[in-house]
Amino acid sequence: MVTLAELVHGEETNAAIGWTLLAVVALRAVESAFTASMLWRGLALLVVVVASVPALATRDWTAMLPWPVLSVAAIAMIARGVGLGPEAAGYLIVAALALVVVVELEVFTSVELSRRFAVAFAVMTTMALQALWTVAQFYSDRWFGTAFLHSQTELQQDIVIVTLVGFVLGGLFEWYVVQFEPPGSADRSTNSTGPT
């Protein structure tokens, strides 16, 4: 039986849960191939590839992000698959991808970010990814006859909502790191007092 300490601090436990969550995202991507959701398939595969980079680069299967980060992407893909709030799932998956990028930069590279700046950077990355997602949706609507974008008002609301989701996820992750110091964060614990 896995203890709470192993669940939070154990690298192997973290990696096993992380790979399981990535498998869920990948399976949802494969399933979306049969439902003609090409954009969702691409977005899910992008999450899987980006989250797998540390393990592939180091050739160490335990080089994995903290599993709560990956759980957001898995929850978004499951919600999308069962039809629970497809728009909310879109906001979550975009914000989760941004958080994956920021956490990988901080944990697996020499980049050092204060925690507050990391949250702000995650929000900016979320906004940039939402802009790319909007462009992809526009061209999907134009070329493939999909109906992702309905009005300019809805588009503006999407940008505002995904920004708020980015702030919430970034804040929750900052709280998680401060409270639990998951794998990869202990060596960066001094960053929380650094300048913002």
N, C-alpha and C. Protein backbone atom coordinates (compact mmCIF):
# COMPACT_ATOMS: atom_id res chain seq x y z
N MET A 1 0.84 -1.18 0.00
CA MET A 1 0.00 0.00 0.00
C MET A 1 0.88 1.24 0.00
N VAL A 2 0.51 2.23 -0.82
CA VAL A 2 1.29 3.45 -0.95
C VAL A 2 0.90 4.42 0.16
N THR A 3 1.91 4.93 0.86
CA THR A 3 1.65 5.91 1.92
C THR A 3 1.55 7.31 1.31
N LEU A 4 1.05 8.25 2.09
CA LEU A 4 0.94 9.63 1.62
C LEU A 4 2.32 10.20 1.30
N ALA A 5 3.31 9.86 2.13
CA ALA A 5 4.67 10.36 1.88
C ALA A 5 5.21 9.84 0.55
N GLU A 6 4.98 8.56 0.25
CA GLU A 6 5.43 8.01 -1.03
C GLU A 6 4.68 8.64 -2.19
N LEU A 7 3.39 8.89 -1.99
CA LEU A 7 2.56 9.48 -3.03
C LEU A 7 3.05 10.88 -3.39
N VAL A 8 3.52 11.62 -2.39
CA VAL A 8 3.96 12.99 -2.62
C VAL A 8 5.44 13.08 -2.94
N HIS A 9 6.28 12.29 -2.25
CA HIS A 9 7.73 12.45 -2.38
C HIS A 9 8.43 11.35 -3.16
N GLY A 10 7.79 10.20 -3.35
CA GLY A 10 8.46 9.09 -4.00
C GLY A 10 8.59 9.29 -5.50
N GLU A 11 9.83 9.29 -6.00
CA GLU A 11 10.05 9.51 -7.43
C GLU A 11 9.45 8.39 -8.26
N GLU A 12 9.62 7.14 -7.82
CA GLU A 12 9.08 6.02 -8.60
C GLU A 12 7.55 6.02 -8.57
N THR A 13 6.96 6.30 -7.43
CA THR A 13 5.50 6.37 -7.34
C THR A 13 4.99 7.51 -8.20
N ASN A 14 5.65 8.67 -8.11
CA ASN A 14 5.27 9.82 -8.92
C ASN A 14 5.35 9.47 -10.41
N ALA A 15 6.44 8.82 -10.81
CA ALA A 15 6.60 8.46 -12.22
C ALA A 15 5.54 7.46 -12.68
N ALA A 16 5.24 6.48 -11.84
CA ALA A 16 4.23 5.48 -12.22
C ALA A 16 2.87 6.13 -12.40
N ILE A 17 2.50 7.02 -11.48
CA ILE A 17 1.22 7.71 -11.61
C ILE A 17 1.25 8.63 -12.82
N GLY A 18 2.36 9.33 -13.02
CA GLY A 18 2.49 10.24 -14.16
C GLY A 18 2.36 9.53 -15.49
N TRP A 19 3.03 8.38 -15.63
CA TRP A 19 2.94 7.62 -16.89
C TRP A 19 1.53 7.07 -17.10
N THR A 20 0.88 6.70 -16.01
CA THR A 20 -0.51 6.22 -16.13
C THR A 20 -1.41 7.34 -16.63
N LEU A 21 -1.23 8.53 -16.07
CA LEU A 21 -2.04 9.67 -16.51
C LEU A 21 -1.75 10.04 -17.96
N LEU A 22 -0.48 9.97 -18.36
CA LEU A 22 -0.15 10.23 -19.77
C LEU A 22 -0.76 9.17 -20.68
N ALA A 23 -0.82 7.93 -20.21
CA ALA A 23 -1.47 6.87 -21.00
C ALA A 23 -2.95 7.18 -21.19
N VAL A 24 -3.59 7.71 -20.15
CA VAL A 24 -5.00 8.09 -20.27
C VAL A 24 -5.16 9.17 -21.33
N VAL A 25 -4.29 10.18 -21.30
CA VAL A 25 -4.36 11.25 -22.29
C VAL A 25 -4.12 10.69 -23.69
N ALA A 26 -3.12 9.81 -23.83
CA ALA A 26 -2.83 9.23 -25.14
C ALA A 26 -3.99 8.38 -25.65
N LEU A 27 -4.60 7.60 -24.77
CA LEU A 27 -5.76 6.79 -25.18
C LEU A 27 -6.92 7.66 -25.62
N ARG A 28 -7.14 8.76 -24.93
CA ARG A 28 -8.19 9.70 -25.35
C ARG A 28 -7.86 10.31 -26.70
N ALA A 29 -6.57 10.54 -26.95
CA ALA A 29 -6.17 11.07 -28.26
C ALA A 29 -6.46 10.06 -29.36
N VAL A 30 -6.16 8.78 -29.09
CA VAL A 30 -6.45 7.74 -30.08
C VAL A 30 -7.95 7.63 -30.31
N GLU A 31 -8.71 7.69 -29.23
CA GLU A 31 -10.16 7.61 -29.37
C GLU A 31 -10.71 8.79 -30.16
N SER A 32 -10.13 9.98 -29.97
CA SER A 32 -10.62 11.14 -30.71
C SER A 32 -10.32 11.03 -32.19
N ALA A 33 -9.35 10.17 -32.56
CA ALA A 33 -9.08 9.94 -33.98
C ALA A 33 -10.28 9.30 -34.66
N PHE A 34 -11.05 8.52 -33.90
CA PHE A 34 -12.21 7.85 -34.47
C PHE A 34 -13.47 8.73 -34.44
N THR A 35 -13.39 9.85 -33.74
CA THR A 35 -14.55 10.74 -33.68
C THR A 35 -14.30 12.02 -34.46
N ALA A 36 -13.29 12.03 -35.28
CA ALA A 36 -12.97 13.15 -36.17
C ALA A 36 -12.64 14.44 -35.42
N SER A 37 -12.14 14.34 -34.21
CA SER A 37 -11.71 15.53 -33.46
C SER A 37 -10.21 15.69 -33.63
N MET A 38 -9.81 16.13 -34.82
CA MET A 38 -8.38 16.22 -35.12
C MET A 38 -7.66 17.21 -34.23
N LEU A 39 -8.30 18.34 -33.95
CA LEU A 39 -7.63 19.32 -33.10
C LEU A 39 -7.39 18.79 -31.70
N TRP A 40 -8.40 18.11 -31.14
CA TRP A 40 -8.24 17.56 -29.80
C TRP A 40 -7.19 16.46 -29.80
N ARG A 41 -7.15 15.66 -30.83
CA ARG A 41 -6.12 14.62 -30.92
C ARG A 41 -4.74 15.26 -30.92
N GLY A 42 -4.59 16.31 -31.73
CA GLY A 42 -3.30 17.00 -31.80
C GLY A 42 -2.90 17.62 -30.47
N LEU A 43 -3.86 18.24 -29.80
CA LEU A 43 -3.57 18.87 -28.51
C LEU A 43 -3.20 17.83 -27.45
N ALA A 44 -3.92 16.72 -27.43
CA ALA A 44 -3.62 15.66 -26.46
C ALA A 44 -2.25 15.05 -26.73
N LEU A 45 -1.94 14.82 -28.00
CA LEU A 45 -0.63 14.25 -28.34
C LEU A 45 0.49 15.23 -28.01
N LEU A 46 0.22 16.53 -28.17
CA LEU A 46 1.22 17.53 -27.80
C LEU A 46 1.51 17.49 -26.30
N VAL A 47 0.47 17.34 -25.49
CA VAL A 47 0.66 17.21 -24.04
C VAL A 47 1.52 15.98 -23.73
N VAL A 48 1.21 14.86 -24.36
CA VAL A 48 1.96 13.62 -24.12
C VAL A 48 3.42 13.79 -24.51
N VAL A 49 3.67 14.37 -25.68
CA VAL A 49 5.05 14.53 -26.14
C VAL A 49 5.82 15.48 -25.23
N VAL A 50 5.23 16.63 -24.91
CA VAL A 50 5.93 17.61 -24.07
C VAL A 50 6.20 17.04 -22.68
N ALA A 51 5.23 16.33 -22.11
CA ALA A 51 5.42 15.76 -20.77
C ALA A 51 6.43 14.61 -20.77
N SER A 52 6.63 13.98 -21.92
CA SER A 52 7.57 12.86 -22.01
C SER A 52 9.00 13.30 -22.26
N VAL A 53 9.21 14.54 -22.64
CA VAL A 53 10.54 15.02 -23.01
C VAL A 53 11.60 14.77 -21.94
N PRO A 54 11.36 15.08 -20.65
CA PRO A 54 12.42 14.84 -19.66
C PRO A 54 12.85 13.37 -19.58
N ALA A 55 11.89 12.47 -19.60
CA ALA A 55 12.23 11.05 -19.53
C ALA A 55 12.98 10.60 -20.79
N LEU A 56 12.55 11.10 -21.94
CA LEU A 56 13.23 10.73 -23.18
C LEU A 56 14.63 11.32 -23.25
N ALA A 57 14.78 12.56 -22.80
CA ALA A 57 16.08 13.23 -22.85
C ALA A 57 17.08 12.61 -21.88
N THR A 58 16.61 12.22 -20.70
CA THR A 58 17.52 11.66 -19.69
C THR A 58 17.59 10.13 -19.75
N ARG A 59 16.68 9.52 -20.50
CA ARG A 59 16.57 8.06 -20.57
C ARG A 59 16.35 7.45 -19.19
N ASP A 60 15.59 8.18 -18.40
CA ASP A 60 15.25 7.75 -17.04
C ASP A 60 13.74 7.85 -16.89
N TRP A 61 13.06 6.73 -16.73
CA TRP A 61 11.61 6.74 -16.70
C TRP A 61 11.04 7.49 -15.50
N THR A 62 11.88 7.70 -14.47
CA THR A 62 11.39 8.43 -13.29
C THR A 62 11.50 9.95 -13.44
N ALA A 63 12.11 10.42 -14.53
CA ALA A 63 12.20 11.87 -14.76
C ALA A 63 10.84 12.34 -15.27
N MET A 64 9.95 12.58 -14.33
CA MET A 64 8.56 12.89 -14.65
C MET A 64 8.10 14.08 -13.82
N LEU A 65 7.21 14.85 -14.40
CA LEU A 65 6.60 15.97 -13.68
C LEU A 65 5.82 15.47 -12.48
N PRO A 66 5.57 16.33 -11.50
CA PRO A 66 4.68 15.92 -10.41
C PRO A 66 3.32 15.51 -10.98
N TRP A 67 2.80 14.39 -10.51
CA TRP A 67 1.57 13.84 -11.10
C TRP A 67 0.36 14.75 -11.01
N PRO A 68 0.23 15.65 -10.01
CA PRO A 68 -0.94 16.54 -10.02
C PRO A 68 -1.01 17.43 -11.26
N VAL A 69 0.15 17.81 -11.81
CA VAL A 69 0.16 18.61 -13.04
C VAL A 69 -0.46 17.82 -14.18
N LEU A 70 -0.05 16.56 -14.30
CA LEU A 70 -0.55 15.72 -15.39
C LEU A 70 -2.00 15.31 -15.17
N SER A 71 -2.42 15.29 -13.91
CA SER A 71 -3.82 14.91 -13.64
C SER A 71 -4.80 15.92 -14.22
N VAL A 72 -4.40 17.18 -14.31
CA VAL A 72 -5.28 18.20 -14.88
C VAL A 72 -5.55 17.89 -16.35
N ALA A 73 -4.50 17.53 -17.08
CA ALA A 73 -4.67 17.19 -18.50
C ALA A 73 -5.53 15.93 -18.65
N ALA A 74 -5.30 14.94 -17.79
CA ALA A 74 -6.09 13.71 -17.86
C ALA A 74 -7.56 13.98 -17.54
N ILE A 75 -7.82 14.80 -16.54
CA ILE A 75 -9.20 15.14 -16.18
C ILE A 75 -9.87 15.86 -17.34
N ALA A 76 -9.15 16.79 -17.96
CA ALA A 76 -9.72 17.52 -19.09
C ALA A 76 -10.08 16.59 -20.24
N MET A 77 -9.20 15.64 -20.54
CA MET A 77 -9.46 14.72 -21.65
C MET A 77 -10.60 13.77 -21.33
N ILE A 78 -10.69 13.32 -20.09
CA ILE A 78 -11.79 12.43 -19.70
C ILE A 78 -13.12 13.20 -19.76
N ALA A 79 -13.11 14.43 -19.24
CA ALA A 79 -14.34 15.25 -19.28
C ALA A 79 -14.78 15.49 -20.71
N ARG A 80 -13.84 15.77 -21.58
CA ARG A 80 -14.17 15.98 -22.99
C ARG A 80 -14.74 14.70 -23.60
N GLY A 81 -14.16 13.56 -23.24
CA GLY A 81 -14.60 12.29 -23.80
C GLY A 81 -16.01 11.89 -23.40
N VAL A 82 -16.41 12.24 -22.18
CA VAL A 82 -17.74 11.86 -21.73
C VAL A 82 -18.75 13.00 -21.92
N GLY A 83 -18.29 14.09 -22.55
CA GLY A 83 -19.20 15.17 -22.87
C GLY A 83 -19.51 16.13 -21.75
N LEU A 84 -18.68 16.14 -20.71
CA LEU A 84 -18.88 17.07 -19.59
C LEU A 84 -18.13 18.37 -19.87
N GLY A 85 -18.83 19.39 -20.21
CA GLY A 85 -18.24 20.70 -20.43
C GLY A 85 -17.08 20.72 -21.38
N PRO A 86 -17.31 20.49 -22.68
CA PRO A 86 -16.20 20.47 -23.62
C PRO A 86 -15.42 21.79 -23.65
N GLU A 87 -16.09 22.92 -23.44
CA GLU A 87 -15.37 24.19 -23.44
C GLU A 87 -14.48 24.30 -22.20
N ALA A 88 -15.01 23.90 -21.04
CA ALA A 88 -14.20 23.91 -19.82
C ALA A 88 -13.01 22.98 -19.95
N ALA A 89 -13.23 21.83 -20.60
CA ALA A 89 -12.13 20.90 -20.83
C ALA A 89 -11.05 21.55 -21.70
N GLY A 90 -11.48 22.35 -22.66
CA GLY A 90 -10.52 23.07 -23.49
C GLY A 90 -9.68 24.04 -22.69
N TYR A 91 -10.33 24.78 -21.79
CA TYR A 91 -9.59 25.71 -20.94
C TYR A 91 -8.58 24.96 -20.08
N LEU A 92 -9.02 23.84 -19.51
CA LEU A 92 -8.14 23.06 -18.63
C LEU A 92 -6.94 22.49 -19.37
N ILE A 93 -7.18 21.94 -20.56
CA ILE A 93 -6.07 21.30 -21.27
C ILE A 93 -5.04 22.33 -21.74
N VAL A 94 -5.49 23.51 -22.16
CA VAL A 94 -4.57 24.57 -22.58
C VAL A 94 -3.76 25.05 -21.37
N ALA A 95 -4.43 25.29 -20.25
CA ALA A 95 -3.73 25.74 -19.04
C ALA A 95 -2.79 24.65 -18.51
N ALA A 96 -3.21 23.39 -18.61
CA ALA A 96 -2.36 22.28 -18.16
C ALA A 96 -1.10 22.19 -19.02
N LEU A 97 -1.24 22.35 -20.33
CA LEU A 97 -0.07 22.31 -21.21
C LEU A 97 0.90 23.43 -20.87
N ALA A 98 0.38 24.62 -20.60
CA ALA A 98 1.25 25.74 -20.21
C ALA A 98 1.97 25.43 -18.91
N LEU A 99 1.24 24.87 -17.95
CA LEU A 99 1.85 24.52 -16.66
C LEU A 99 2.91 23.44 -16.83
N VAL A 100 2.66 22.48 -17.70
CA VAL A 100 3.65 21.43 -17.98
C VAL A 100 4.94 22.06 -18.50
N VAL A 101 4.82 22.99 -19.43
CA VAL A 101 6.00 23.64 -20.00
C VAL A 101 6.78 24.40 -18.92
N VAL A 102 6.08 25.17 -18.11
CA VAL A 102 6.75 25.98 -17.08
C VAL A 102 7.41 25.09 -16.03
N VAL A 103 6.71 24.06 -15.58
CA VAL A 103 7.28 23.17 -14.55
C VAL A 103 8.48 22.42 -15.11
N GLU A 104 8.40 21.98 -16.36
CA GLU A 104 9.56 21.31 -16.96
C GLU A 104 10.75 22.24 -17.04
N LEU A 105 10.53 23.49 -17.44
CA LEU A 105 11.63 24.45 -17.49
C LEU A 105 12.29 24.61 -16.14
N GLU A 106 11.48 24.71 -15.10
CA GLU A 106 12.04 24.94 -13.77
C GLU A 106 12.70 23.70 -13.18
N VAL A 107 12.08 22.54 -13.36
CA VAL A 107 12.58 21.33 -12.70
C VAL A 107 13.70 20.67 -13.48
N PHE A 108 13.63 20.65 -14.80
CA PHE A 108 14.57 19.85 -15.58
C PHE A 108 15.60 20.65 -16.37
N THR A 109 15.63 21.96 -16.19
CA THR A 109 16.66 22.76 -16.86
C THR A 109 17.35 23.63 -15.81
N SER A 110 18.29 24.43 -16.28
CA SER A 110 19.00 25.32 -15.35
C SER A 110 18.23 26.61 -15.08
N VAL A 111 17.07 26.77 -15.69
CA VAL A 111 16.25 27.96 -15.48
C VAL A 111 15.75 27.96 -14.03
N GLU A 112 15.92 29.08 -13.37
CA GLU A 112 15.43 29.22 -12.00
C GLU A 112 14.42 30.36 -11.94
N LEU A 113 13.22 30.05 -11.50
CA LEU A 113 12.15 31.03 -11.42
C LEU A 113 11.67 31.13 -9.97
N SER A 114 11.41 32.36 -9.53
CA SER A 114 10.76 32.47 -8.23
C SER A 114 9.36 31.89 -8.39
N ARG A 115 8.76 31.45 -7.32
CA ARG A 115 7.45 30.80 -7.44
C ARG A 115 6.40 31.76 -7.99
N ARG A 116 6.42 33.01 -7.52
CA ARG A 116 5.42 33.96 -8.00
C ARG A 116 5.62 34.27 -9.49
N PHE A 117 6.88 34.40 -9.90
CA PHE A 117 7.12 34.64 -11.33
C PHE A 117 6.73 33.41 -12.14
N ALA A 118 6.95 32.21 -11.60
CA ALA A 118 6.56 31.00 -12.31
C ALA A 118 5.05 30.98 -12.56
N VAL A 119 4.27 31.43 -11.58
CA VAL A 119 2.82 31.49 -11.77
C VAL A 119 2.49 32.50 -12.86
N ALA A 120 3.11 33.68 -12.83
CA ALA A 120 2.86 34.70 -13.85
C ALA A 120 3.28 34.20 -15.23
N PHE A 121 4.41 33.51 -15.28
CA PHE A 121 4.90 32.97 -16.55
C PHE A 121 3.96 31.88 -17.07
N ALA A 122 3.42 31.07 -16.17
CA ALA A 122 2.45 30.04 -16.57
C ALA A 122 1.20 30.69 -17.15
N VAL A 123 0.76 31.79 -16.56
CA VAL A 123 -0.42 32.49 -17.08
C VAL A 123 -0.12 33.08 -18.46
N MET A 124 1.04 33.69 -18.62
CA MET A 124 1.40 34.24 -19.94
C MET A 124 1.50 33.14 -20.98
N THR A 125 2.08 32.01 -20.59
CA THR A 125 2.19 30.88 -21.51
C THR A 125 0.80 30.34 -21.85
N THR A 126 -0.09 30.31 -20.87
CA THR A 126 -1.47 29.88 -21.11
C THR A 126 -2.13 30.78 -22.14
N MET A 127 -1.95 32.08 -21.99
CA MET A 127 -2.54 33.02 -22.94
C MET A 127 -1.97 32.84 -24.34
N ALA A 128 -0.66 32.61 -24.43
CA ALA A 128 -0.04 32.40 -25.74
C ALA A 128 -0.56 31.11 -26.38
N LEU A 129 -0.66 30.04 -25.58
CA LEU A 129 -1.18 28.79 -26.12
C LEU A 129 -2.65 28.91 -26.52
N GLN A 130 -3.43 29.69 -25.76
CA GLN A 130 -4.82 29.91 -26.13
C GLN A 130 -4.90 30.64 -27.46
N ALA A 131 -4.00 31.59 -27.69
CA ALA A 131 -3.99 32.29 -28.97
C ALA A 131 -3.70 31.31 -30.11
N LEU A 132 -2.73 30.44 -29.92
CA LEU A 132 -2.43 29.42 -30.95
C LEU A 132 -3.61 28.47 -31.14
N TRP A 133 -4.26 28.09 -30.04
CA TRP A 133 -5.42 27.20 -30.10
C TRP A 133 -6.56 27.88 -30.87
N THR A 134 -6.73 29.18 -30.66
CA THR A 134 -7.77 29.92 -31.37
C THR A 134 -7.49 29.95 -32.87
N VAL A 135 -6.23 30.20 -33.23
CA VAL A 135 -5.86 30.19 -34.66
C VAL A 135 -6.12 28.81 -35.26
N ALA A 136 -5.74 27.75 -34.53
CA ALA A 136 -5.98 26.38 -35.02
C ALA A 136 -7.47 26.12 -35.19
N GLN A 137 -8.29 26.60 -34.24
CA GLN A 137 -9.73 26.42 -34.36
C GLN A 137 -10.28 27.19 -35.56
N PHE A 138 -9.79 28.39 -35.79
CA PHE A 138 -10.24 29.19 -36.93
C PHE A 138 -9.99 28.45 -38.24
N TYR A 139 -8.76 27.94 -38.40
CA TYR A 139 -8.44 27.25 -39.64
C TYR A 139 -9.15 25.90 -39.75
N SER A 140 -9.41 25.26 -38.63
CA SER A 140 -10.19 24.03 -38.67
C SER A 140 -11.61 24.33 -39.15
N ASP A 141 -12.19 25.39 -38.62
CA ASP A 141 -13.53 25.79 -39.08
C ASP A 141 -13.54 26.11 -40.57
N ARG A 142 -12.49 26.78 -41.01
CA ARG A 142 -12.43 27.21 -42.41
C ARG A 142 -12.17 26.05 -43.37
N TRP A 143 -11.23 25.18 -43.01
CA TRP A 143 -10.80 24.13 -43.93
C TRP A 143 -11.61 22.84 -43.80
N PHE A 144 -12.03 22.51 -42.58
CA PHE A 144 -12.67 21.22 -42.36
C PHE A 144 -14.16 21.32 -42.02
N GLY A 145 -14.68 22.55 -41.99
CA GLY A 145 -16.10 22.72 -41.74
C GLY A 145 -16.53 22.46 -40.30
N THR A 146 -15.59 22.52 -39.36
CA THR A 146 -15.96 22.36 -37.95
C THR A 146 -16.62 23.65 -37.46
N ALA A 147 -17.10 23.65 -36.25
CA ALA A 147 -17.78 24.83 -35.71
C ALA A 147 -17.27 25.15 -34.31
N PHE A 148 -15.95 25.39 -34.20
CA PHE A 148 -15.38 25.70 -32.90
C PHE A 148 -15.69 27.14 -32.48
N LEU A 149 -15.53 28.07 -33.43
CA LEU A 149 -15.69 29.48 -33.11
C LEU A 149 -17.05 29.96 -33.62
N HIS A 150 -17.85 30.52 -32.72
CA HIS A 150 -19.19 30.95 -33.09
C HIS A 150 -19.31 32.46 -33.24
N SER A 151 -18.60 33.21 -32.38
CA SER A 151 -18.69 34.67 -32.45
C SER A 151 -17.44 35.28 -31.85
N GLN A 152 -17.24 36.55 -32.14
CA GLN A 152 -16.09 37.25 -31.58
C GLN A 152 -16.25 37.40 -30.07
N THR A 153 -17.47 37.59 -29.61
CA THR A 153 -17.71 37.71 -28.16
C THR A 153 -17.31 36.43 -27.44
N GLU A 154 -17.69 35.30 -28.01
CA GLU A 154 -17.31 34.01 -27.41
C GLU A 154 -15.80 33.83 -27.39
N LEU A 155 -15.15 34.27 -28.46
CA LEU A 155 -13.70 34.19 -28.55
C LEU A 155 -13.04 35.01 -27.44
N GLN A 156 -13.54 36.21 -27.22
CA GLN A 156 -12.99 37.07 -26.17
C GLN A 156 -13.24 36.47 -24.78
N GLN A 157 -14.42 35.90 -24.60
CA GLN A 157 -14.71 35.25 -23.32
C GLN A 157 -13.77 34.08 -23.08
N ASP A 158 -13.48 33.32 -24.13
CA ASP A 158 -12.55 32.19 -24.01
C ASP A 158 -11.19 32.66 -23.52
N ILE A 159 -10.70 33.77 -24.07
CA ILE A 159 -9.39 34.27 -23.68
C ILE A 159 -9.38 34.70 -22.21
N VAL A 160 -10.44 35.36 -21.79
CA VAL A 160 -10.53 35.80 -20.38
C VAL A 160 -10.63 34.58 -19.46
N ILE A 161 -11.48 33.63 -19.81
CA ILE A 161 -11.67 32.46 -18.94
C ILE A 161 -10.41 31.62 -18.84
N VAL A 162 -9.75 31.38 -19.98
CA VAL A 162 -8.54 30.55 -19.92
C VAL A 162 -7.44 31.26 -19.13
N THR A 163 -7.42 32.59 -19.16
CA THR A 163 -6.45 33.34 -18.35
C THR A 163 -6.73 33.13 -16.86
N LEU A 164 -8.01 33.21 -16.49
CA LEU A 164 -8.38 32.96 -15.09
C LEU A 164 -8.05 31.53 -14.67
N VAL A 165 -8.32 30.57 -15.56
CA VAL A 165 -7.98 29.17 -15.26
C VAL A 165 -6.47 29.03 -15.08
N GLY A 166 -5.69 29.73 -15.91
CA GLY A 166 -4.23 29.70 -15.76
C GLY A 166 -3.78 30.23 -14.41
N PHE A 167 -4.40 31.34 -13.95
CA PHE A 167 -4.07 31.88 -12.63
C PHE A 167 -4.42 30.88 -11.53
N VAL A 168 -5.59 30.27 -11.62
CA VAL A 168 -6.02 29.32 -10.58
C VAL A 168 -5.09 28.12 -10.55
N LEU A 169 -4.80 27.53 -11.72
CA LEU A 169 -3.92 26.36 -11.75
C LEU A 169 -2.51 26.71 -11.28
N GLY A 170 -2.01 27.87 -11.71
CA GLY A 170 -0.68 28.30 -11.26
C GLY A 170 -0.63 28.50 -9.76
N GLY A 171 -1.67 29.14 -9.22
CA GLY A 171 -1.74 29.35 -7.77
C GLY A 171 -1.84 28.04 -7.00
N LEU A 172 -2.65 27.12 -7.51
CA LEU A 172 -2.77 25.81 -6.86
C LEU A 172 -1.46 25.05 -6.90
N PHE A 173 -0.75 25.14 -8.03
CA PHE A 173 0.52 24.43 -8.10
C PHE A 173 1.55 25.07 -7.17
N GLU A 174 1.55 26.41 -7.09
CA GLU A 174 2.47 27.06 -6.15
C GLU A 174 2.17 26.61 -4.73
N TRP A 175 0.90 26.54 -4.35
CA TRP A 175 0.52 26.07 -3.02
C TRP A 175 0.99 24.63 -2.81
N TYR A 176 0.79 23.78 -3.82
CA TYR A 176 1.19 22.38 -3.73
C TYR A 176 2.69 22.24 -3.50
N VAL A 177 3.48 23.01 -4.25
CA VAL A 177 4.94 22.92 -4.10
C VAL A 177 5.38 23.40 -2.73
N VAL A 178 4.80 24.49 -2.25
CA VAL A 178 5.16 25.02 -0.93
C VAL A 178 4.77 24.04 0.17
N GLN A 179 3.60 23.43 0.07
CA GLN A 179 3.12 22.53 1.12
C GLN A 179 3.82 21.18 1.12
N PHE A 180 4.07 20.62 -0.07
CA PHE A 180 4.50 19.23 -0.13
C PHE A 180 5.90 18.99 -0.69
N GLU A 181 6.50 19.97 -1.37
CA GLU A 181 7.81 19.80 -1.99
C GLU A 181 7.90 18.47 -2.73
N PRO A 182 7.20 18.34 -3.85
CA PRO A 182 7.21 17.09 -4.61
C PRO A 182 8.56 16.84 -5.26
N PRO A 183 8.75 15.66 -5.90
CA PRO A 183 10.03 15.36 -6.54
C PRO A 183 10.43 16.47 -7.51
N GLY A 184 11.71 16.86 -7.44
CA GLY A 184 12.21 17.89 -8.33
C GLY A 184 12.12 19.29 -7.76
N SER A 185 11.36 19.50 -6.70
CA SER A 185 11.21 20.86 -6.18
C SER A 185 12.10 21.13 -4.97
N ALA A 186 12.59 20.12 -4.30
CA ALA A 186 13.36 20.32 -3.06
C ALA A 186 14.63 21.11 -3.32
N ASP A 187 15.29 20.85 -4.48
CA ASP A 187 16.52 21.55 -4.77
C ASP A 187 16.28 23.00 -5.20
N ARG A 188 15.03 23.38 -5.43
CA ARG A 188 14.70 24.73 -5.84
C ARG A 188 13.93 25.49 -4.76
N SER A 189 13.90 24.95 -3.55
CA SER A 189 13.07 25.53 -2.48
C SER A 189 13.50 26.95 -2.14
N THR A 190 14.74 27.31 -2.41
CA THR A 190 15.19 28.66 -2.10
C THR A 190 14.59 29.69 -3.05
N ASN A 191 14.03 29.25 -4.17
CA ASN A 191 13.48 30.21 -5.14
C ASN A 191 12.26 30.93 -4.60
N SER A 192 11.59 30.36 -3.62
CA SER A 192 10.36 30.98 -3.13
C SER A 192 10.62 32.32 -2.45
N THR A 193 11.87 32.54 -2.02
CA THR A 193 12.20 33.80 -1.37
C THR A 193 12.92 34.75 -2.29
N GLY A 194 13.14 34.30 -3.52
CA GLY A 194 13.86 35.13 -4.47
C GLY A 194 13.03 36.30 -4.93
N PRO A 195 13.64 37.22 -5.68
CA PRO A 195 12.92 38.38 -6.15
C PRO A 195 11.88 37.99 -7.16
N THR A 196 10.83 38.79 -7.25
CA THR A 196 9.79 38.51 -8.23
C THR A 196 9.84 39.46 -9.35
